[in-house]
N, C-alpha and C. Protein backbone atom coordinates (compact mmCIF):
# COMPACT_ATOMS: atom_id res chain seq x y z
N MET A 1 -12.51 -14.34 -6.21
CA MET A 1 -11.14 -13.96 -6.59
C MET A 1 -11.05 -12.45 -6.80
N LEU A 2 -9.88 -11.93 -6.54
CA LEU A 2 -9.61 -10.53 -6.81
C LEU A 2 -8.57 -10.41 -7.92
N LYS A 3 -8.77 -9.43 -8.77
CA LYS A 3 -7.77 -9.07 -9.76
C LYS A 3 -7.02 -7.84 -9.26
N ILE A 4 -5.82 -7.62 -9.79
CA ILE A 4 -5.02 -6.49 -9.34
C ILE A 4 -4.36 -5.82 -10.54
N LYS A 5 -4.32 -4.50 -10.48
CA LYS A 5 -3.67 -3.71 -11.52
C LYS A 5 -2.70 -2.73 -10.85
N ARG A 6 -1.48 -2.67 -11.38
CA ARG A 6 -0.47 -1.78 -10.83
C ARG A 6 -0.26 -0.58 -11.75
N PHE A 7 -0.08 0.58 -11.15
CA PHE A 7 0.33 1.80 -11.84
C PHE A 7 1.56 2.33 -11.12
N THR A 8 2.46 2.96 -11.85
CA THR A 8 3.64 3.55 -11.24
C THR A 8 3.61 5.05 -11.49
N PHE A 9 3.59 5.81 -10.38
CA PHE A 9 3.36 7.26 -10.46
C PHE A 9 4.43 8.05 -9.72
N ASN A 10 4.49 9.31 -10.04
CA ASN A 10 5.27 10.38 -9.41
C ASN A 10 6.78 10.12 -9.46
N PRO A 11 7.60 11.13 -9.16
CA PRO A 11 9.05 10.96 -9.27
C PRO A 11 9.63 9.87 -8.38
N PHE A 12 8.90 9.47 -7.34
CA PHE A 12 9.36 8.40 -6.46
C PHE A 12 9.11 7.01 -7.05
N GLN A 13 8.47 6.96 -8.22
CA GLN A 13 8.14 5.69 -8.86
C GLN A 13 7.37 4.78 -7.90
N GLU A 14 6.33 5.35 -7.35
CA GLU A 14 5.51 4.65 -6.36
C GLU A 14 4.45 3.81 -7.06
N ASN A 15 4.23 2.62 -6.53
CA ASN A 15 3.23 1.71 -7.08
C ASN A 15 1.87 1.94 -6.44
N THR A 16 0.92 2.30 -7.28
CA THR A 16 -0.48 2.43 -6.90
C THR A 16 -1.21 1.19 -7.39
N TYR A 17 -2.15 0.69 -6.59
CA TYR A 17 -2.85 -0.53 -6.97
C TYR A 17 -4.37 -0.32 -6.95
N ILE A 18 -5.03 -1.00 -7.88
CA ILE A 18 -6.47 -1.20 -7.82
C ILE A 18 -6.72 -2.70 -7.74
N ILE A 19 -7.50 -3.10 -6.76
CA ILE A 19 -7.94 -4.49 -6.68
C ILE A 19 -9.44 -4.50 -6.90
N TYR A 20 -9.94 -5.55 -7.57
CA TYR A 20 -11.36 -5.55 -7.90
C TYR A 20 -11.86 -6.98 -8.09
N ASP A 21 -13.15 -7.17 -7.78
CA ASP A 21 -13.74 -8.50 -7.91
C ASP A 21 -14.41 -8.66 -9.27
N GLU A 22 -15.05 -9.80 -9.46
CA GLU A 22 -15.61 -10.13 -10.77
C GLU A 22 -16.77 -9.22 -11.16
N LYS A 23 -17.39 -8.58 -10.18
CA LYS A 23 -18.51 -7.68 -10.47
C LYS A 23 -18.07 -6.22 -10.58
N GLY A 24 -16.77 -5.97 -10.40
CA GLY A 24 -16.25 -4.62 -10.57
C GLY A 24 -16.10 -3.81 -9.31
N SER A 25 -16.49 -4.35 -8.17
CA SER A 25 -16.26 -3.63 -6.92
C SER A 25 -14.76 -3.51 -6.69
N ALA A 26 -14.30 -2.32 -6.32
CA ALA A 26 -12.86 -2.06 -6.32
C ALA A 26 -12.43 -1.26 -5.10
N ALA A 27 -11.15 -1.42 -4.77
CA ALA A 27 -10.48 -0.58 -3.78
C ALA A 27 -9.24 0.01 -4.42
N ILE A 28 -8.99 1.27 -4.15
CA ILE A 28 -7.79 1.96 -4.63
C ILE A 28 -6.83 2.04 -3.46
N ILE A 29 -5.61 1.57 -3.67
CA ILE A 29 -4.63 1.47 -2.58
C ILE A 29 -3.40 2.31 -2.91
N ASP A 30 -3.06 3.21 -2.00
CA ASP A 30 -1.85 4.04 -2.11
C ASP A 30 -1.81 4.85 -3.41
N PRO A 31 -2.80 5.69 -3.66
CA PRO A 31 -2.77 6.46 -4.91
C PRO A 31 -1.69 7.54 -4.90
N GLY A 32 -0.67 7.33 -5.68
CA GLY A 32 0.43 8.29 -5.77
C GLY A 32 0.31 9.23 -6.94
N CYS A 33 -0.81 9.23 -7.61
CA CYS A 33 -1.00 10.06 -8.82
C CYS A 33 -1.06 11.54 -8.44
N TYR A 34 -0.22 12.34 -9.07
CA TYR A 34 -0.17 13.77 -8.79
C TYR A 34 -0.43 14.60 -10.04
N GLU A 35 0.25 14.26 -11.12
CA GLU A 35 0.10 15.01 -12.36
C GLU A 35 -1.22 14.65 -13.05
N PRO A 36 -1.78 15.57 -13.83
CA PRO A 36 -3.06 15.30 -14.50
C PRO A 36 -3.04 14.04 -15.36
N GLU A 37 -1.93 13.78 -16.05
CA GLU A 37 -1.88 12.59 -16.90
C GLU A 37 -1.87 11.30 -16.08
N GLU A 38 -1.33 11.38 -14.85
CA GLU A 38 -1.36 10.20 -13.98
C GLU A 38 -2.78 9.93 -13.50
N LYS A 39 -3.47 10.97 -13.10
CA LYS A 39 -4.86 10.81 -12.68
C LYS A 39 -5.72 10.29 -13.83
N LYS A 40 -5.45 10.78 -15.02
CA LYS A 40 -6.21 10.32 -16.18
C LYS A 40 -5.97 8.84 -16.46
N GLU A 41 -4.73 8.39 -16.29
CA GLU A 41 -4.43 6.97 -16.51
C GLU A 41 -5.23 6.09 -15.56
N LEU A 42 -5.28 6.48 -14.31
CA LEU A 42 -6.06 5.73 -13.33
C LEU A 42 -7.55 5.79 -13.65
N TYR A 43 -8.03 6.99 -13.94
CA TYR A 43 -9.44 7.18 -14.25
C TYR A 43 -9.86 6.39 -15.48
N ASP A 44 -9.05 6.43 -16.52
CA ASP A 44 -9.39 5.73 -17.76
C ASP A 44 -9.47 4.22 -17.55
N PHE A 45 -8.58 3.67 -16.72
CA PHE A 45 -8.63 2.23 -16.46
C PHE A 45 -9.92 1.87 -15.74
N ILE A 46 -10.31 2.67 -14.79
CA ILE A 46 -11.54 2.40 -14.04
C ILE A 46 -12.75 2.43 -14.98
N ILE A 47 -12.78 3.38 -15.88
CA ILE A 47 -13.87 3.45 -16.87
C ILE A 47 -13.82 2.26 -17.81
N GLN A 48 -12.63 1.97 -18.31
CA GLN A 48 -12.45 0.88 -19.28
C GLN A 48 -12.92 -0.46 -18.73
N GLU A 49 -12.61 -0.72 -17.45
CA GLU A 49 -12.96 -1.99 -16.83
C GLU A 49 -14.33 -1.96 -16.15
N ASN A 50 -15.01 -0.81 -16.24
CA ASN A 50 -16.33 -0.65 -15.63
C ASN A 50 -16.29 -0.95 -14.13
N LEU A 51 -15.31 -0.37 -13.46
CA LEU A 51 -15.12 -0.62 -12.03
C LEU A 51 -15.92 0.37 -11.19
N LYS A 52 -16.22 -0.05 -9.97
CA LYS A 52 -16.95 0.78 -9.02
C LYS A 52 -16.11 0.91 -7.76
N PRO A 53 -15.26 1.93 -7.67
CA PRO A 53 -14.45 2.10 -6.46
C PRO A 53 -15.32 2.26 -5.22
N GLU A 54 -14.95 1.51 -4.17
CA GLU A 54 -15.72 1.53 -2.93
C GLU A 54 -14.90 2.00 -1.74
N LEU A 55 -13.56 1.86 -1.83
CA LEU A 55 -12.69 2.19 -0.71
C LEU A 55 -11.40 2.82 -1.20
N LEU A 56 -10.86 3.72 -0.38
CA LEU A 56 -9.52 4.25 -0.55
C LEU A 56 -8.72 3.79 0.66
N LEU A 57 -7.64 3.06 0.42
CA LEU A 57 -6.82 2.50 1.49
C LEU A 57 -5.38 2.96 1.34
N ASN A 58 -4.74 3.24 2.47
CA ASN A 58 -3.30 3.48 2.48
C ASN A 58 -2.61 2.43 3.34
N THR A 59 -1.56 1.81 2.78
CA THR A 59 -0.74 0.93 3.61
C THR A 59 -0.02 1.75 4.67
N HIS A 60 0.40 2.96 4.29
CA HIS A 60 1.01 3.93 5.19
C HIS A 60 0.89 5.29 4.51
N CYS A 61 1.34 6.34 5.19
CA CYS A 61 1.00 7.68 4.72
C CYS A 61 2.21 8.54 4.39
N HIS A 62 3.32 7.94 4.00
CA HIS A 62 4.42 8.74 3.47
C HIS A 62 3.94 9.46 2.21
N VAL A 63 4.55 10.61 1.96
CA VAL A 63 4.00 11.54 0.96
C VAL A 63 3.84 10.92 -0.42
N ASP A 64 4.75 10.04 -0.82
CA ASP A 64 4.66 9.47 -2.17
C ASP A 64 3.47 8.54 -2.33
N HIS A 65 2.89 8.08 -1.23
CA HIS A 65 1.76 7.16 -1.28
C HIS A 65 0.40 7.85 -1.12
N VAL A 66 0.41 9.14 -0.83
CA VAL A 66 -0.86 9.83 -0.55
C VAL A 66 -1.15 10.98 -1.50
N LEU A 67 -0.29 11.21 -2.49
CA LEU A 67 -0.44 12.39 -3.34
C LEU A 67 -1.77 12.43 -4.08
N GLY A 68 -2.36 11.28 -4.35
CA GLY A 68 -3.63 11.25 -5.07
C GLY A 68 -4.85 11.08 -4.19
N ASN A 69 -4.67 11.10 -2.88
CA ASN A 69 -5.80 10.84 -1.99
C ASN A 69 -6.95 11.82 -2.20
N GLU A 70 -6.62 13.10 -2.24
CA GLU A 70 -7.68 14.11 -2.37
C GLU A 70 -8.44 13.93 -3.68
N TRP A 71 -7.71 13.70 -4.76
CA TRP A 71 -8.36 13.52 -6.06
C TRP A 71 -9.28 12.30 -6.05
N VAL A 72 -8.82 11.20 -5.47
CA VAL A 72 -9.65 9.99 -5.40
C VAL A 72 -10.92 10.27 -4.60
N GLU A 73 -10.78 10.93 -3.46
CA GLU A 73 -11.95 11.21 -2.64
C GLU A 73 -12.93 12.12 -3.38
N GLN A 74 -12.42 13.15 -4.04
CA GLN A 74 -13.30 14.07 -4.75
C GLN A 74 -13.97 13.42 -5.95
N THR A 75 -13.25 12.52 -6.61
CA THR A 75 -13.76 11.90 -7.83
C THR A 75 -14.78 10.81 -7.54
N TYR A 76 -14.54 10.04 -6.47
CA TYR A 76 -15.37 8.85 -6.23
C TYR A 76 -16.17 8.90 -4.93
N SER A 77 -15.90 9.86 -4.06
CA SER A 77 -16.66 10.01 -2.80
C SER A 77 -16.72 8.70 -2.03
N ILE A 78 -15.55 8.13 -1.77
CA ILE A 78 -15.46 6.84 -1.09
C ILE A 78 -14.73 7.00 0.24
N PRO A 79 -14.99 6.11 1.21
CA PRO A 79 -14.33 6.20 2.51
C PRO A 79 -12.82 5.98 2.40
N PHE A 80 -12.09 6.72 3.22
CA PHE A 80 -10.63 6.66 3.28
C PHE A 80 -10.23 6.05 4.62
N LEU A 81 -9.49 4.93 4.56
CA LEU A 81 -9.12 4.18 5.76
C LEU A 81 -7.61 4.04 5.87
N ILE A 82 -7.10 4.23 7.11
CA ILE A 82 -5.69 4.00 7.42
C ILE A 82 -5.62 3.37 8.80
N HIS A 83 -4.42 2.99 9.23
CA HIS A 83 -4.21 2.59 10.62
C HIS A 83 -4.07 3.86 11.46
N GLU A 84 -4.63 3.84 12.64
CA GLU A 84 -4.66 5.04 13.48
C GLU A 84 -3.26 5.58 13.79
N ASN A 85 -2.27 4.70 13.87
CA ASN A 85 -0.90 5.14 14.17
C ASN A 85 -0.28 5.97 13.05
N GLU A 86 -0.93 6.01 11.90
CA GLU A 86 -0.39 6.78 10.78
C GLU A 86 -0.85 8.24 10.76
N ILE A 87 -1.66 8.64 11.70
CA ILE A 87 -2.15 10.03 11.70
C ILE A 87 -1.01 11.04 11.72
N PRO A 88 0.01 10.91 12.59
CA PRO A 88 1.11 11.89 12.55
C PRO A 88 1.84 11.90 11.22
N VAL A 89 1.98 10.74 10.60
CA VAL A 89 2.65 10.65 9.30
C VAL A 89 1.81 11.35 8.24
N LEU A 90 0.51 11.12 8.28
CA LEU A 90 -0.39 11.77 7.33
C LEU A 90 -0.35 13.28 7.48
N ASN A 91 -0.34 13.76 8.71
CA ASN A 91 -0.30 15.20 8.95
C ASN A 91 1.01 15.81 8.46
N SER A 92 2.11 15.11 8.65
CA SER A 92 3.41 15.65 8.23
C SER A 92 3.55 15.69 6.72
N ALA A 93 2.76 14.91 6.01
CA ALA A 93 2.85 14.87 4.55
C ALA A 93 2.52 16.22 3.93
N LYS A 94 1.72 17.02 4.59
CA LYS A 94 1.36 18.33 4.04
C LYS A 94 2.59 19.23 3.91
N VAL A 95 3.44 19.21 4.91
CA VAL A 95 4.67 20.00 4.87
C VAL A 95 5.68 19.38 3.92
N LEU A 96 5.84 18.07 4.02
CA LEU A 96 6.83 17.39 3.18
C LEU A 96 6.49 17.51 1.70
N ALA A 97 5.21 17.52 1.37
CA ALA A 97 4.82 17.64 -0.04
C ALA A 97 5.35 18.93 -0.64
N ARG A 98 5.23 20.02 0.09
CA ARG A 98 5.76 21.29 -0.41
C ARG A 98 7.28 21.23 -0.55
N ASN A 99 7.94 20.64 0.43
CA ASN A 99 9.40 20.54 0.39
C ASN A 99 9.88 19.71 -0.79
N TYR A 100 9.10 18.71 -1.17
CA TYR A 100 9.48 17.81 -2.26
C TYR A 100 8.98 18.30 -3.63
N GLY A 101 8.35 19.46 -3.66
CA GLY A 101 7.93 20.02 -4.94
C GLY A 101 6.54 19.61 -5.39
N PHE A 102 5.64 19.36 -4.42
CA PHE A 102 4.25 19.02 -4.75
C PHE A 102 3.32 20.05 -4.11
N PRO A 103 3.37 21.31 -4.56
CA PRO A 103 2.63 22.37 -3.87
C PRO A 103 1.12 22.23 -3.93
N ALA A 104 0.61 21.47 -4.90
CA ALA A 104 -0.85 21.33 -5.04
C ALA A 104 -1.44 20.28 -4.11
N TYR A 105 -0.59 19.56 -3.38
CA TYR A 105 -1.11 18.50 -2.51
C TYR A 105 -1.94 19.08 -1.38
N ARG A 106 -3.09 18.53 -1.18
CA ARG A 106 -3.95 18.87 -0.05
C ARG A 106 -4.34 17.56 0.63
N GLY A 107 -4.05 17.45 1.87
CA GLY A 107 -4.35 16.22 2.59
C GLY A 107 -5.84 16.10 2.89
N ILE A 108 -6.26 14.88 3.12
CA ILE A 108 -7.64 14.62 3.56
C ILE A 108 -7.59 13.83 4.85
N GLU A 109 -8.66 13.89 5.60
CA GLU A 109 -8.74 13.19 6.88
C GLU A 109 -9.36 11.81 6.68
N PRO A 110 -8.90 10.83 7.45
CA PRO A 110 -9.48 9.49 7.32
C PRO A 110 -10.93 9.45 7.79
N ASP A 111 -11.68 8.57 7.17
CA ASP A 111 -13.07 8.35 7.57
C ASP A 111 -13.20 7.21 8.58
N GLY A 112 -12.13 6.46 8.75
CA GLY A 112 -12.14 5.35 9.68
C GLY A 112 -10.77 4.71 9.72
N TYR A 113 -10.66 3.65 10.51
CA TYR A 113 -9.36 3.04 10.73
C TYR A 113 -9.42 1.53 10.51
N VAL A 114 -8.33 1.02 9.99
CA VAL A 114 -8.19 -0.43 9.85
C VAL A 114 -7.42 -0.95 11.06
N SER A 115 -7.60 -2.22 11.34
CA SER A 115 -6.86 -2.83 12.44
C SER A 115 -6.68 -4.31 12.15
N PRO A 116 -5.57 -4.88 12.61
CA PRO A 116 -5.33 -6.30 12.36
C PRO A 116 -6.42 -7.15 13.00
N GLY A 117 -6.81 -8.18 12.29
CA GLY A 117 -7.85 -9.07 12.78
C GLY A 117 -9.23 -8.71 12.29
N LYS A 118 -9.39 -7.49 11.75
CA LYS A 118 -10.68 -7.08 11.18
C LYS A 118 -10.55 -7.04 9.67
N GLU A 119 -11.39 -7.81 8.99
CA GLU A 119 -11.30 -7.88 7.54
C GLU A 119 -12.01 -6.68 6.89
N ILE A 120 -11.59 -6.39 5.66
CA ILE A 120 -12.15 -5.29 4.89
C ILE A 120 -12.85 -5.88 3.67
N SER A 121 -14.08 -5.49 3.46
CA SER A 121 -14.85 -6.03 2.33
C SER A 121 -14.57 -5.23 1.06
N VAL A 122 -14.26 -5.96 0.00
CA VAL A 122 -14.19 -5.39 -1.35
C VAL A 122 -15.18 -6.20 -2.18
N GLY A 123 -16.37 -5.65 -2.36
CA GLY A 123 -17.43 -6.43 -2.99
C GLY A 123 -17.73 -7.67 -2.16
N GLN A 124 -17.63 -8.83 -2.78
CA GLN A 124 -17.90 -10.10 -2.10
C GLN A 124 -16.66 -10.69 -1.45
N GLU A 125 -15.52 -10.03 -1.60
CA GLU A 125 -14.26 -10.56 -1.11
C GLU A 125 -13.85 -9.86 0.19
N GLU A 126 -13.00 -10.55 0.96
CA GLU A 126 -12.53 -10.00 2.23
C GLU A 126 -11.01 -9.90 2.23
N LEU A 127 -10.50 -8.71 2.53
CA LEU A 127 -9.07 -8.50 2.69
C LEU A 127 -8.69 -8.64 4.15
N GLN A 128 -7.61 -9.34 4.41
CA GLN A 128 -7.06 -9.40 5.75
C GLN A 128 -6.09 -8.24 5.95
N VAL A 129 -6.04 -7.73 7.17
CA VAL A 129 -5.14 -6.63 7.51
C VAL A 129 -4.04 -7.17 8.42
N LEU A 130 -2.79 -7.01 7.99
CA LEU A 130 -1.63 -7.42 8.77
C LEU A 130 -0.90 -6.17 9.24
N PHE A 131 -0.53 -6.13 10.50
CA PHE A 131 0.16 -4.97 11.07
C PHE A 131 1.66 -5.21 10.99
N VAL A 132 2.34 -4.40 10.16
CA VAL A 132 3.77 -4.59 9.92
C VAL A 132 4.48 -3.24 10.05
N PRO A 133 4.59 -2.70 11.27
CA PRO A 133 5.30 -1.43 11.45
C PRO A 133 6.81 -1.63 11.33
N GLY A 134 7.51 -0.51 11.32
CA GLY A 134 8.97 -0.55 11.20
C GLY A 134 9.43 0.46 10.17
N HIS A 135 8.83 0.43 9.00
CA HIS A 135 9.06 1.48 8.00
C HIS A 135 8.27 2.72 8.38
N ALA A 136 7.08 2.52 8.87
CA ALA A 136 6.21 3.58 9.38
C ALA A 136 5.45 3.01 10.57
N PRO A 137 5.08 3.86 11.54
CA PRO A 137 4.52 3.33 12.80
C PRO A 137 3.18 2.64 12.68
N GLY A 138 2.41 2.98 11.64
CA GLY A 138 1.11 2.35 11.47
C GLY A 138 0.98 1.61 10.16
N HIS A 139 2.08 1.08 9.68
CA HIS A 139 2.09 0.41 8.38
C HIS A 139 1.30 -0.89 8.44
N VAL A 140 0.40 -1.05 7.47
CA VAL A 140 -0.35 -2.30 7.35
C VAL A 140 -0.13 -2.90 5.97
N VAL A 141 -0.41 -4.18 5.88
CA VAL A 141 -0.32 -4.94 4.63
C VAL A 141 -1.69 -5.56 4.38
N PHE A 142 -2.13 -5.54 3.14
CA PHE A 142 -3.43 -6.11 2.79
C PHE A 142 -3.22 -7.44 2.07
N TYR A 143 -3.90 -8.47 2.58
CA TYR A 143 -3.67 -9.84 2.09
C TYR A 143 -4.99 -10.49 1.73
N HIS A 144 -5.03 -11.11 0.54
CA HIS A 144 -6.21 -11.86 0.11
C HIS A 144 -5.80 -13.30 -0.15
N PRO A 145 -6.15 -14.21 0.75
CA PRO A 145 -5.65 -15.59 0.65
C PRO A 145 -6.05 -16.31 -0.63
N THR A 146 -7.29 -16.17 -1.06
CA THR A 146 -7.76 -16.92 -2.23
C THR A 146 -6.99 -16.53 -3.48
N SER A 147 -6.75 -15.24 -3.64
CA SER A 147 -6.03 -14.74 -4.82
C SER A 147 -4.52 -14.77 -4.64
N LYS A 148 -4.07 -15.07 -3.43
CA LYS A 148 -2.63 -15.10 -3.11
C LYS A 148 -1.97 -13.77 -3.39
N ILE A 149 -2.68 -12.70 -3.03
CA ILE A 149 -2.21 -11.33 -3.22
C ILE A 149 -1.82 -10.74 -1.88
N CYS A 150 -0.63 -10.15 -1.82
CA CYS A 150 -0.15 -9.45 -0.63
C CYS A 150 0.32 -8.07 -1.06
N ILE A 151 -0.43 -7.05 -0.70
CA ILE A 151 -0.05 -5.67 -1.04
C ILE A 151 0.73 -5.13 0.14
N ALA A 152 2.05 -5.07 -0.04
CA ALA A 152 2.97 -4.95 1.09
C ALA A 152 3.45 -3.54 1.36
N GLY A 153 3.05 -2.56 0.55
CA GLY A 153 3.56 -1.21 0.78
C GLY A 153 5.08 -1.20 0.76
N ASP A 154 5.66 -0.49 1.73
CA ASP A 154 7.12 -0.36 1.78
C ASP A 154 7.73 -1.22 2.87
N THR A 155 7.18 -2.40 3.09
CA THR A 155 7.77 -3.32 4.07
C THR A 155 8.78 -4.24 3.42
N LEU A 156 8.37 -4.93 2.36
CA LEU A 156 9.19 -5.96 1.73
C LEU A 156 9.23 -5.72 0.23
N PHE A 157 10.45 -5.66 -0.31
CA PHE A 157 10.66 -5.50 -1.74
C PHE A 157 11.37 -6.73 -2.29
N ARG A 158 11.47 -6.81 -3.60
CA ARG A 158 12.26 -7.88 -4.20
C ARG A 158 13.73 -7.66 -3.86
N GLY A 159 14.25 -8.51 -3.00
CA GLY A 159 15.65 -8.43 -2.61
C GLY A 159 15.98 -7.32 -1.64
N SER A 160 14.98 -6.75 -0.98
CA SER A 160 15.27 -5.67 -0.05
C SER A 160 14.11 -5.51 0.93
N ILE A 161 14.23 -4.51 1.80
CA ILE A 161 13.18 -4.17 2.76
C ILE A 161 13.02 -2.65 2.77
N GLY A 162 11.99 -2.17 3.45
CA GLY A 162 11.77 -0.73 3.54
C GLY A 162 12.82 -0.05 4.38
N ARG A 163 13.09 1.20 4.06
CA ARG A 163 14.04 1.98 4.87
C ARG A 163 13.43 2.25 6.23
N THR A 164 14.30 2.41 7.22
CA THR A 164 13.82 2.60 8.59
C THR A 164 14.45 3.82 9.25
N ASP A 165 15.01 4.72 8.44
CA ASP A 165 15.67 5.91 8.98
C ASP A 165 14.78 7.14 8.97
N LEU A 166 13.51 6.98 8.65
CA LEU A 166 12.56 8.08 8.69
C LEU A 166 11.90 8.14 10.06
N PRO A 167 11.29 9.27 10.44
CA PRO A 167 10.62 9.36 11.75
C PRO A 167 9.62 8.22 11.94
N GLY A 168 9.70 7.58 13.09
CA GLY A 168 8.82 6.46 13.39
C GLY A 168 9.34 5.13 12.90
N GLY A 169 10.51 5.12 12.25
CA GLY A 169 11.08 3.88 11.75
C GLY A 169 11.75 3.07 12.84
N ASP A 170 11.79 1.76 12.66
CA ASP A 170 12.41 0.86 13.64
C ASP A 170 12.89 -0.37 12.89
N HIS A 171 14.19 -0.45 12.68
CA HIS A 171 14.76 -1.52 11.85
C HIS A 171 14.49 -2.90 12.43
N ASP A 172 14.79 -3.08 13.70
CA ASP A 172 14.61 -4.40 14.31
C ASP A 172 13.15 -4.83 14.29
N LEU A 173 12.26 -3.87 14.53
CA LEU A 173 10.82 -4.19 14.52
C LEU A 173 10.37 -4.61 13.13
N LEU A 174 10.87 -3.92 12.10
CA LEU A 174 10.49 -4.29 10.74
C LEU A 174 10.94 -5.71 10.41
N LEU A 175 12.17 -6.04 10.76
CA LEU A 175 12.66 -7.40 10.51
C LEU A 175 11.79 -8.43 11.23
N GLU A 176 11.48 -8.13 12.48
CA GLU A 176 10.66 -9.05 13.28
C GLU A 176 9.28 -9.25 12.66
N LYS A 177 8.65 -8.16 12.22
CA LYS A 177 7.30 -8.24 11.68
C LYS A 177 7.26 -8.90 10.31
N ILE A 178 8.28 -8.67 9.49
CA ILE A 178 8.33 -9.37 8.20
C ILE A 178 8.37 -10.87 8.44
N LYS A 179 9.20 -11.29 9.37
CA LYS A 179 9.35 -12.72 9.64
C LYS A 179 8.08 -13.32 10.25
N SER A 180 7.46 -12.60 11.17
CA SER A 180 6.30 -13.16 11.87
C SER A 180 5.00 -13.02 11.08
N GLU A 181 4.82 -11.90 10.38
CA GLU A 181 3.56 -11.65 9.69
C GLU A 181 3.59 -12.06 8.22
N LEU A 182 4.64 -11.70 7.51
CA LEU A 182 4.68 -11.98 6.07
C LEU A 182 5.23 -13.36 5.76
N PHE A 183 6.27 -13.76 6.43
CA PHE A 183 6.87 -15.07 6.13
C PHE A 183 6.03 -16.23 6.65
N SER A 184 4.96 -15.93 7.36
CA SER A 184 4.02 -16.98 7.76
C SER A 184 2.95 -17.22 6.69
N LEU A 185 2.93 -16.39 5.65
CA LEU A 185 1.99 -16.58 4.54
C LEU A 185 2.46 -17.72 3.64
N PRO A 186 1.56 -18.31 2.87
CA PRO A 186 1.97 -19.38 1.94
C PRO A 186 3.08 -18.90 1.01
N GLU A 187 4.01 -19.79 0.70
CA GLU A 187 5.19 -19.39 -0.06
C GLU A 187 4.86 -18.95 -1.48
N ASP A 188 3.73 -19.39 -2.02
CA ASP A 188 3.38 -18.97 -3.38
C ASP A 188 2.59 -17.66 -3.41
N THR A 189 2.49 -16.99 -2.26
CA THR A 189 1.87 -15.68 -2.22
C THR A 189 2.71 -14.68 -3.01
N ILE A 190 2.05 -13.90 -3.86
CA ILE A 190 2.73 -12.87 -4.64
C ILE A 190 2.71 -11.56 -3.85
N VAL A 191 3.88 -10.97 -3.70
CA VAL A 191 4.04 -9.72 -2.96
C VAL A 191 4.07 -8.57 -3.95
N TYR A 192 3.16 -7.62 -3.75
CA TYR A 192 3.09 -6.42 -4.58
C TYR A 192 3.58 -5.25 -3.74
N PRO A 193 4.81 -4.79 -3.96
CA PRO A 193 5.41 -3.78 -3.09
C PRO A 193 5.08 -2.35 -3.51
N GLY A 194 5.47 -1.42 -2.67
CA GLY A 194 5.22 -0.01 -2.94
C GLY A 194 6.13 0.59 -3.99
N HIS A 195 7.21 -0.10 -4.30
CA HIS A 195 8.15 0.34 -5.34
C HIS A 195 8.75 -0.91 -5.97
N GLY A 196 9.01 -0.86 -7.25
CA GLY A 196 9.69 -1.97 -7.90
C GLY A 196 8.77 -3.12 -8.27
N PRO A 197 9.38 -4.23 -8.74
CA PRO A 197 8.60 -5.35 -9.27
C PRO A 197 8.04 -6.25 -8.19
N GLU A 198 7.10 -7.11 -8.61
CA GLU A 198 6.54 -8.10 -7.71
C GLU A 198 7.60 -9.13 -7.32
N THR A 199 7.31 -9.82 -6.23
CA THR A 199 8.16 -10.92 -5.80
C THR A 199 7.25 -11.96 -5.15
N SER A 200 7.83 -12.93 -4.48
CA SER A 200 7.03 -13.95 -3.79
C SER A 200 7.60 -14.17 -2.40
N ILE A 201 6.76 -14.67 -1.53
CA ILE A 201 7.23 -15.00 -0.19
C ILE A 201 8.34 -16.05 -0.26
N GLU A 202 8.18 -17.02 -1.12
CA GLU A 202 9.20 -18.06 -1.25
C GLU A 202 10.56 -17.47 -1.63
N PHE A 203 10.58 -16.59 -2.63
CA PHE A 203 11.84 -16.00 -3.09
C PHE A 203 12.50 -15.21 -1.98
N GLU A 204 11.73 -14.41 -1.26
CA GLU A 204 12.33 -13.56 -0.23
C GLU A 204 12.80 -14.36 0.97
N LYS A 205 12.12 -15.44 1.30
CA LYS A 205 12.57 -16.28 2.42
C LYS A 205 13.92 -16.91 2.12
N ILE A 206 14.20 -17.11 0.85
CA ILE A 206 15.48 -17.72 0.47
C ILE A 206 16.55 -16.67 0.22
N TYR A 207 16.22 -15.65 -0.57
CA TYR A 207 17.26 -14.79 -1.14
C TYR A 207 17.35 -13.39 -0.55
N ASN A 208 16.38 -12.95 0.22
CA ASN A 208 16.44 -11.58 0.71
C ASN A 208 17.63 -11.40 1.65
N PRO A 209 18.52 -10.44 1.37
CA PRO A 209 19.74 -10.31 2.17
C PRO A 209 19.51 -9.77 3.57
N PHE A 210 18.31 -9.28 3.86
CA PHE A 210 18.00 -8.76 5.19
C PHE A 210 17.24 -9.76 6.05
N VAL A 211 16.37 -10.54 5.43
CA VAL A 211 15.49 -11.43 6.21
C VAL A 211 15.46 -12.86 5.67
N GLY A 212 16.18 -13.13 4.59
CA GLY A 212 16.21 -14.47 4.03
C GLY A 212 17.06 -15.42 4.86
N LYS A 213 17.07 -16.68 4.46
CA LYS A 213 17.76 -17.69 5.27
C LYS A 213 19.26 -17.47 5.33
N ASN A 214 19.81 -16.78 4.34
CA ASN A 214 21.24 -16.47 4.34
C ASN A 214 21.48 -14.97 4.49
N ALA A 215 20.65 -14.33 5.31
CA ALA A 215 20.74 -12.88 5.48
C ALA A 215 22.14 -12.45 5.89
N SER A 216 22.60 -11.38 5.26
CA SER A 216 23.97 -10.90 5.51
C SER A 216 24.01 -9.53 6.15
N TYR A 217 22.83 -8.96 6.45
CA TYR A 217 22.80 -7.64 7.08
C TYR A 217 22.23 -7.75 8.48
């Protein structure tokens, strides 16, 4: 089983996650920590729980999700993995960070790439990688069947979906991928989004106004 801890960082109120197994092996996903107190909050939790970070993962590379990447890499010296299609997004984050008022941001290069169908090991557990572009061209979702955890990034929110008006966005593709990739998961799967509260596949299949059974958009 995997446990999960959520942190909410930076002015975008971005959700950063740590997932970890019973022995403390951990992955840090979408670290949005920028300010020193945010980094300290993440660091203190890792110390408190005696965790051993092994991987840095990004669901996608919009600036609010990558602000803490450099700090995580420097602090824990762990591999950084993204989908290859996110390289242009990652590169553009350097300019966007300055425009959004994050002058201290320094990007890092990935150490490898994730791809659908290839599982990622977190200690003794295996994460599945689902390819769900539309919000970003290389957006992936991390799913752990046993724990019923779906870390969805900015694809699916409680009662909403990710915006698709940014470079590389595709509204129709996002709708298609949510229905084919996420809505095929068990209905009691808990969705942990990139912003806002958790939800479930069951709730979104019924009530989501964009992709639910009574969708109005």
